[in-house]
Amino acid sequence: MSARGSNNDGHVQWLPSDGGWVLQLHHDWRGYAPDKTQAAPDRLTQGLITVDVARLAAWDANLPSSLWALLGPLAQRGLALDISALPAAVRAPLRLALQAQSQPLEPARAEADVSVLGVIRESLSWNELRTTVAFVGELLLSIGRLRQRPRVFRLADLLHQMDEMGPRSLPIVGLTTFLVGLMLAYMSGAQLDRIGAPNLIADVVTVGMVRELAALMTGVILAGRIGGAIAAELGTMTVNEEVDALRALGIDPMVHLALPRLFGMLLTAPFLIAFAMVVGVLAGLPAVTLVYGVSTPDYLHKSMLALNWTHLWIGLFKGTMYTLLVVIAGCREGFYAQHNAQAIGLATTRAVVKALVWMVTAACASTVVFQSLGY
């Protein structure tokens, strides 16, 4: 037996069921909007509300707003809604509306602590750890979903990200690692020359740059150049509700936005780090030859003797890990940016600081682990 809502046009029908009510949608809903006479019955105060679309003939983009006009007042009363039968493009905006109804947006903090100590303190909080772990898990799951809907992932986006992270980052990475290698050669030479061992400068520079400094300096540079840019781009899209619009269209934002950046960094990072290693090692030549009297062939020969596969793969592994942390920090802050005027600036700053903290922590932990294993 139908209840109130089965009016003359027959588009809406409220039916009682075991433990709740069923909202049946009928006919063609293209351009249709329900009126007040089709609202929920007054005696509908408890139970589960299930939406049935088996008799729905056709619909358009107006359906989510029309359904919310019927279901919104029920959600405000705290009634449970089952919208699993709706098409994905209709479910997504309704779920967002329900989340906003039950979990209002957090008000912007008057003063956000974006210092290193503030970020460390926040990163160690339970809510932050849970959110970050959940984001990383969602990012990993999106890789599995990529196989189901590969068209959402655009090759043009991947190539664009690879160009930004690779060739366009070469000048600043090369300049930074050159100066670091030059400084390392000069400072180590000042100590080794005192004991008559300037030939060992090549060993110090090669092992230091290949194993640790090239990877770390590349990560630091990319944290400011790439991590901040990712957070700003995704934060702008979040504030402008473009990410919500993608979900409403049935497009997975993680696959469409995060994975091109993650894969772009994963493909370009080893080459960028190898370039930084070469530049850093060669940067020791001016100091060694002009100040300490070591010939160029001797320096290069000693560098080749000091270099081995263990130092090389550890340096590449660490550098790739650091750069992936940069992308994760940028995406995490961009997707979770708050909807206020300060959101973009805060997301950018926090992404850079958080990436640096994560990298230093990972560098210390990995060094201890590799040394303990004898590498």
Protein backbone atom coordinates (compact mmCIF):
# COMPACT_ATOMS: atom_id res chain seq x y z
CA MET A 1 0.00 0.00 0.00
CA SER A 2 1.48 3.34 -1.04
CA ALA A 3 1.76 6.31 1.30
CA ARG A 4 1.67 10.03 0.75
CA GLY A 5 3.84 10.99 -2.18
CA SER A 6 1.99 8.85 -4.75
CA ASN A 7 0.43 11.90 -6.35
CA ASN A 8 -1.05 12.39 -9.75
CA ASP A 9 2.18 12.49 -11.78
CA GLY A 10 3.45 9.22 -10.27
CA HIS A 11 7.15 10.14 -10.25
CA VAL A 12 7.58 9.65 -6.48
CA GLN A 13 6.18 6.91 -4.29
CA TRP A 14 6.88 6.35 -0.57
CA LEU A 15 6.26 2.75 0.51
CA PRO A 16 6.60 1.32 4.03
CA SER A 17 8.80 -1.75 4.35
CA ASP A 18 10.18 -3.95 7.11
CA GLY A 19 12.13 -1.67 9.41
CA GLY A 20 11.92 1.41 7.21
CA TRP A 21 10.63 3.01 4.03
CA VAL A 22 11.31 2.71 0.31
CA LEU A 23 11.46 5.72 -2.00
CA GLN A 24 10.51 4.53 -5.49
CA LEU A 25 11.33 6.65 -8.51
CA HIS A 26 9.17 6.23 -11.62
CA HIS A 27 9.06 7.43 -15.21
CA ASP A 28 11.34 10.02 -16.86
CA TRP A 29 13.18 12.43 -14.49
CA ARG A 30 14.86 14.51 -17.19
CA GLY A 31 14.09 18.13 -16.31
CA TYR A 32 11.74 17.02 -13.53
CA ALA A 33 11.72 18.54 -10.02
CA PRO A 34 9.50 17.25 -7.17
CA ASP A 35 7.31 19.66 -5.24
CA LYS A 36 6.30 19.83 -1.58
CA THR A 37 3.42 17.39 -2.04
CA GLN A 38 5.91 14.61 -2.76
CA ALA A 39 7.93 15.06 0.44
CA ALA A 40 8.28 12.23 2.94
CA PRO A 41 5.23 11.29 5.00
CA ASP A 42 4.93 13.01 8.37
CA ARG A 43 4.96 9.67 10.20
CA LEU A 44 8.33 8.81 8.70
CA THR A 45 10.46 9.43 11.80
CA GLN A 46 12.67 6.34 12.05
CA GLY A 47 14.00 3.37 10.11
CA LEU A 48 16.14 2.94 7.00
CA ILE A 49 15.24 4.89 3.86
CA THR A 50 16.04 2.89 0.70
CA VAL A 51 15.99 4.45 -2.77
CA ASP A 52 14.60 2.16 -5.50
CA VAL A 53 15.34 3.07 -9.12
CA ALA A 54 14.14 -0.12 -10.79
CA ARG A 55 11.23 1.77 -12.37
CA LEU A 56 13.22 4.86 -13.32
CA ALA A 57 13.04 5.29 -17.09
CA ALA A 58 15.58 8.11 -17.69
CA TRP A 59 17.42 10.84 -15.80
CA ASP A 60 19.85 13.70 -16.28
CA ALA A 61 22.20 15.88 -14.20
CA ASN A 62 19.18 17.34 -12.38
CA LEU A 63 18.50 14.06 -10.54
CA PRO A 64 21.01 14.50 -7.62
CA SER A 65 19.62 17.91 -6.63
CA SER A 66 16.04 16.69 -7.00
CA LEU A 67 16.72 13.68 -4.79
CA TRP A 68 18.46 15.82 -2.19
CA ALA A 69 15.33 17.96 -1.98
CA LEU A 70 13.51 14.80 -0.88
CA LEU A 71 16.22 13.17 1.21
CA GLY A 72 17.91 16.22 2.71
CA PRO A 73 15.28 16.86 5.40
CA LEU A 74 15.44 13.18 6.38
CA ALA A 75 19.22 13.33 6.71
CA GLN A 76 18.87 16.39 8.95
CA ARG A 77 16.64 14.33 11.23
CA GLY A 78 19.36 11.67 11.50
CA LEU A 79 17.64 8.93 9.48
CA ALA A 80 19.85 6.36 7.71
CA LEU A 81 19.77 6.44 3.90
CA ASP A 82 20.58 3.60 1.50
CA ILE A 83 21.47 5.05 -1.90
CA SER A 84 23.51 2.07 -3.16
CA ALA A 85 21.02 1.40 -5.97
CA LEU A 86 21.62 4.80 -7.56
CA PRO A 87 24.02 5.21 -10.51
CA ALA A 88 27.59 6.10 -9.52
CA ALA A 89 27.34 9.61 -10.99
CA VAL A 90 24.28 10.29 -8.80
CA ARG A 91 25.64 8.56 -5.69
CA ALA A 92 28.84 10.62 -5.55
CA PRO A 93 27.32 14.10 -5.03
CA LEU A 94 24.70 12.72 -2.63
CA ARG A 95 27.42 11.11 -0.51
CA LEU A 96 29.29 14.40 -0.42
CA ALA A 97 26.13 16.15 0.72
CA LEU A 98 25.55 13.51 3.40
CA GLN A 99 29.13 13.82 4.64
CA ALA A 100 28.78 17.58 4.84
CA GLN A 101 25.52 17.09 6.71
CA SER A 102 26.98 14.72 9.31
CA GLN A 103 30.55 16.10 9.42
CA PRO A 104 30.63 19.87 8.92
CA LEU A 105 33.82 21.36 7.60
CA GLU A 106 36.42 22.14 10.21
CA PRO A 107 36.70 25.90 10.72
CA ALA A 108 39.97 27.45 9.69
CA ARG A 109 42.45 27.82 12.48
CA ALA A 110 43.38 31.36 13.31
CA GLU A 111 47.10 30.62 13.42
CA ALA A 112 48.40 27.48 11.73
CA ASP A 113 51.74 26.23 13.01
CA VAL A 114 53.79 25.38 9.91
CA SER A 115 57.18 25.38 11.61
CA VAL A 116 59.31 22.25 11.66
CA LEU A 117 58.45 21.54 15.30
CA GLY A 118 54.78 22.21 14.60
CA VAL A 119 54.70 19.84 11.65
CA ILE A 120 56.56 17.15 13.62
CA ARG A 121 54.17 17.52 16.53
CA GLU A 122 51.15 17.34 14.21
CA SER A 123 52.59 14.44 12.22
CA LEU A 124 52.91 12.41 15.42
CA SER A 125 49.29 13.05 16.42
CA TRP A 126 46.92 10.12 16.08
CA ASN A 127 44.48 11.85 13.72
CA GLU A 128 47.28 12.95 11.40
CA LEU A 129 48.88 9.52 11.34
CA ARG A 130 45.55 7.87 10.64
CA THR A 131 44.75 10.32 7.84
CA THR A 132 48.17 9.96 6.24
CA VAL A 133 48.13 6.16 6.41
CA ALA A 134 44.60 6.14 4.96
CA PHE A 135 45.73 8.41 2.13
CA VAL A 136 48.71 6.20 1.31
CA GLY A 137 46.42 3.17 1.36
CA GLU A 138 43.97 4.89 -0.98
CA LEU A 139 46.87 5.80 -3.27
CA LEU A 140 47.97 2.16 -3.41
CA LEU A 141 44.41 0.98 -4.03
CA SER A 142 44.07 3.47 -6.89
CA ILE A 143 46.91 1.66 -8.66
CA GLY A 144 44.73 -1.46 -8.63
CA ARG A 145 41.71 0.51 -9.84
CA LEU A 146 43.79 1.79 -12.75
CA ARG A 147 43.51 -1.62 -14.39
CA GLN A 148 39.73 -1.42 -14.29
CA ARG A 149 39.42 2.07 -15.80
CA PRO A 150 42.66 2.80 -17.67
CA ARG A 151 41.08 5.61 -19.73
CA VAL A 152 40.92 7.86 -16.67
CA PHE A 153 44.73 7.85 -16.63
CA ARG A 154 45.95 10.15 -19.41
CA LEU A 155 49.35 9.65 -20.98
CA ALA A 156 49.60 13.38 -21.75
CA ASP A 157 49.43 14.15 -18.02
CA LEU A 158 52.19 11.61 -17.31
CA LEU A 159 54.47 13.10 -19.97
CA HIS A 160 53.82 16.61 -18.68
CA GLN A 161 54.72 15.60 -15.13
CA MET A 162 57.85 13.79 -16.33
CA ASP A 163 58.94 16.93 -18.17
CA GLU A 164 58.39 19.10 -15.09
CA MET A 165 60.12 16.70 -12.71
CA GLY A 166 62.97 15.67 -15.01
CA PRO A 167 64.39 17.98 -17.70
CA ARG A 168 63.08 21.21 -16.15
CA SER A 169 64.63 20.28 -12.80
CA LEU A 170 68.10 19.51 -14.19
CA PRO A 171 69.56 23.05 -13.96
CA ILE A 172 68.74 23.69 -10.30
CA VAL A 173 69.66 20.12 -9.28
CA GLY A 174 72.95 20.32 -11.19
CA LEU A 175 73.88 23.69 -9.69
CA THR A 176 73.08 22.60 -6.14
CA THR A 177 74.91 19.28 -6.28
CA PHE A 178 77.91 20.92 -7.97
CA LEU A 179 78.27 23.40 -5.12
CA VAL A 180 77.80 20.69 -2.51
CA GLY A 181 80.39 18.45 -4.19
CA LEU A 182 82.84 21.34 -4.45
CA MET A 183 82.36 22.23 -0.78
CA LEU A 184 82.73 18.59 0.29
CA ALA A 185 85.98 18.23 -1.70
CA TYR A 186 87.46 21.43 -0.32
CA MET A 187 86.52 20.76 3.32
CA SER A 188 87.60 17.11 3.29
CA GLY A 189 90.81 18.05 1.50
CA ALA A 190 91.67 20.58 4.20
CA GLN A 191 91.67 17.76 6.76
CA LEU A 192 93.24 15.01 4.65
CA ASP A 193 96.05 17.27 3.44
CA ARG A 194 97.20 17.66 7.03
CA ILE A 195 98.01 13.95 7.21
CA GLY A 196 99.47 13.83 3.71
CA ALA A 197 96.58 11.94 2.12
CA PRO A 198 95.05 14.27 -0.50
CA ASN A 199 94.51 11.26 -2.80
CA LEU A 200 91.73 10.13 -0.45
CA ILE A 201 89.62 13.19 -1.32
CA ALA A 202 88.22 11.29 -4.29
CA ASP A 203 87.06 8.48 -2.00
CA VAL A 204 85.29 10.87 0.37
CA VAL A 205 83.60 12.87 -2.38
CA THR A 206 82.55 9.82 -4.42
CA VAL A 207 81.11 7.79 -1.55
CA GLY A 208 79.51 10.83 0.09
CA MET A 209 77.84 12.11 -3.06
CA VAL A 210 76.80 8.76 -4.56
CA ARG A 211 75.57 7.16 -1.37
CA GLU A 212 73.99 10.07 0.51
CA LEU A 213 74.29 13.69 -0.57
CA ALA A 214 73.19 13.52 -4.23
CA ALA A 215 69.97 11.76 -3.29
CA LEU A 216 69.28 13.99 -0.30
CA MET A 217 69.99 17.27 -2.11
CA THR A 218 67.83 16.17 -5.06
CA GLY A 219 64.98 15.43 -2.66
CA VAL A 220 65.39 18.81 -0.93
CA ILE A 221 65.33 20.67 -4.26
CA LEU A 222 62.29 18.75 -5.51
CA ALA A 223 60.48 19.30 -2.21
CA GLY A 224 60.51 23.03 -2.88
CA ARG A 225 60.06 22.89 -6.63
CA ILE A 226 57.74 19.92 -7.17
CA GLY A 227 56.15 19.24 -3.77
CA GLY A 228 55.00 22.82 -3.34
CA ALA A 229 53.68 22.96 -6.90
CA ILE A 230 51.70 19.73 -6.48
CA ALA A 231 50.15 20.96 -3.23
CA ALA A 232 49.25 24.31 -4.81
CA GLU A 233 47.69 22.73 -7.91
CA LEU A 234 45.66 20.10 -6.08
CA GLY A 235 44.80 22.52 -3.27
CA THR A 236 43.39 24.99 -5.79
CA MET A 237 41.31 22.24 -7.36
CA THR A 238 40.07 21.17 -3.93
CA VAL A 239 39.12 24.70 -2.86
CA ASN A 240 37.36 25.32 -6.20
CA GLU A 241 35.51 21.98 -5.76
CA GLU A 242 36.99 20.61 -8.99
CA VAL A 243 37.98 17.42 -7.18
CA ASP A 244 34.37 16.99 -6.00
CA ALA A 245 33.21 17.58 -9.56
CA LEU A 246 35.45 14.77 -10.80
CA ARG A 247 33.92 12.41 -8.24
CA ALA A 248 30.43 13.51 -9.33
CA LEU A 249 31.33 12.63 -12.92
CA GLY A 250 32.48 9.18 -11.84
CA ILE A 251 36.20 9.98 -12.34
CA ASP A 252 38.57 8.78 -9.64
CA PRO A 253 40.66 11.83 -8.58
CA MET A 254 43.44 9.60 -7.26
CA VAL A 255 43.84 7.90 -10.64
CA HIS A 256 43.31 11.07 -12.67
CA LEU A 257 45.43 13.49 -10.58
CA ALA A 258 47.72 11.67 -8.15
CA LEU A 259 48.96 8.69 -10.17
CA PRO A 260 50.41 10.73 -13.10
CA ARG A 261 52.48 12.67 -10.59
CA LEU A 262 53.52 9.55 -8.70
CA PHE A 263 54.48 7.59 -11.82
CA GLY A 264 56.15 10.64 -13.37
CA MET A 265 58.41 10.98 -10.35
CA LEU A 266 59.06 7.24 -10.20
CA LEU A 267 60.21 7.19 -13.84
CA THR A 268 62.36 10.33 -13.76
CA ALA A 269 63.87 10.16 -10.27
CA PRO A 270 66.60 7.52 -10.99
CA PHE A 271 67.91 9.48 -13.99
CA LEU A 272 67.79 12.78 -12.11
CA ILE A 273 69.65 11.28 -9.15
CA ALA A 274 72.26 9.66 -11.41
CA PHE A 275 72.84 13.05 -13.03
CA ALA A 276 73.24 14.62 -9.59
CA MET A 277 75.76 11.92 -8.64
CA VAL A 278 77.91 12.56 -11.70
CA VAL A 279 77.84 16.34 -11.24
CA GLY A 280 78.64 16.05 -7.53
CA VAL A 281 81.63 13.76 -8.09
CA LEU A 282 83.03 15.89 -10.93
CA ALA A 283 82.59 19.02 -8.80
CA GLY A 284 85.50 17.84 -6.67
CA LEU A 285 87.93 18.24 -9.58
CA PRO A 286 88.54 22.02 -9.29
CA ALA A 287 89.32 21.86 -5.59
CA VAL A 288 91.52 18.78 -5.90
CA THR A 289 93.53 19.89 -8.92
CA LEU A 290 93.88 23.62 -8.19
CA VAL A 291 94.28 23.57 -4.39
CA TYR A 292 95.69 20.20 -3.39
CA GLY A 293 97.74 19.29 -6.46
CA VAL A 294 96.06 16.01 -7.36
CA SER A 295 95.98 15.38 -11.10
CA THR A 296 92.72 14.86 -12.94
CA PRO A 297 93.51 11.24 -14.02
CA ASP A 298 94.40 10.32 -10.43
CA TYR A 299 91.19 11.81 -9.11
CA LEU A 300 89.02 10.03 -11.67
CA HIS A 301 90.88 6.74 -11.15
CA LYS A 302 90.45 6.90 -7.37
CA SER A 303 86.78 7.79 -7.83
CA MET A 304 86.19 4.72 -9.99
CA LEU A 305 87.95 2.52 -7.46
CA ALA A 306 85.87 3.92 -4.59
CA LEU A 307 82.59 3.46 -6.50
CA ASN A 308 80.86 0.08 -6.29
CA TRP A 309 77.41 -1.30 -6.96
CA THR A 310 76.44 -1.23 -3.29
CA HIS A 311 76.96 2.54 -3.01
CA LEU A 312 75.19 3.05 -6.34
CA TRP A 313 72.00 1.09 -5.64
CA ILE A 314 71.74 2.47 -2.11
CA GLY A 315 71.99 6.01 -3.46
CA LEU A 316 69.40 5.36 -6.16
CA PHE A 317 67.08 3.64 -3.71
CA LYS A 318 67.31 6.45 -1.18
CA GLY A 319 66.84 9.14 -3.81
CA THR A 320 63.78 7.45 -5.29
CA MET A 321 62.33 7.02 -1.80
CA TYR A 322 62.90 10.71 -0.98
CA THR A 323 61.28 11.92 -4.20
CA LEU A 324 58.26 9.65 -3.73
CA LEU A 325 57.83 11.11 -0.24
CA VAL A 326 57.81 14.56 -1.87
CA VAL A 327 54.95 13.54 -4.18
CA ILE A 328 52.98 11.88 -1.37
CA ALA A 329 53.34 14.95 0.86
CA GLY A 330 52.23 17.29 -1.95
CA CYS A 331 49.22 15.17 -2.92
CA ARG A 332 48.21 14.59 0.69
CA GLU A 333 48.20 18.29 1.56
CA GLY A 334 46.56 19.25 -1.74
CA PHE A 335 43.67 16.81 -1.46
CA TYR A 336 43.05 17.69 2.21
CA ALA A 337 43.26 21.47 1.82
CA GLN A 338 40.56 23.33 3.72
CA HIS A 339 37.96 25.46 1.96
CA ASN A 340 39.14 28.93 2.93
CA ALA A 341 41.27 31.77 1.62
CA GLN A 342 44.44 30.59 3.36
CA ALA A 343 44.15 26.99 2.20
CA ILE A 344 46.50 27.20 -0.79
CA GLY A 345 49.33 28.91 1.06
CA LEU A 346 49.03 26.60 4.06
CA ALA A 347 48.90 23.47 1.89
CA THR A 348 52.01 24.55 -0.04
CA THR A 349 54.01 25.43 3.06
CA ARG A 350 52.99 22.33 4.96
CA ALA A 351 53.77 20.07 1.98
CA VAL A 352 57.32 21.40 1.72
CA VAL A 353 58.00 21.26 5.46
CA LYS A 354 56.41 17.84 5.82
CA ALA A 355 58.37 16.45 2.87
CA LEU A 356 61.65 17.70 4.38
CA VAL A 357 60.82 16.18 7.77
CA TRP A 358 59.87 12.87 6.18
CA MET A 359 63.04 12.81 4.08
CA VAL A 360 65.38 13.51 6.99
CA THR A 361 63.61 10.86 9.06
CA ALA A 362 63.84 8.35 6.21
CA ALA A 363 67.52 9.22 5.64
CA CYS A 364 68.41 8.57 9.28
CA ALA A 365 66.38 5.35 9.47
CA SER A 366 67.69 3.93 6.17
CA THR A 367 71.31 4.77 7.05
CA VAL A 368 71.01 2.94 10.36
CA VAL A 369 69.35 -0.06 8.70
CA PHE A 370 71.91 -0.36 5.87
CA GLN A 371 74.85 0.05 8.23
CA SER A 372 73.38 -2.56 10.57
CA LEU A 373 73.06 -4.98 7.64
CA GLY A 374 76.65 -4.38 6.65
CA TYR A 375 76.02 -2.44 3.43
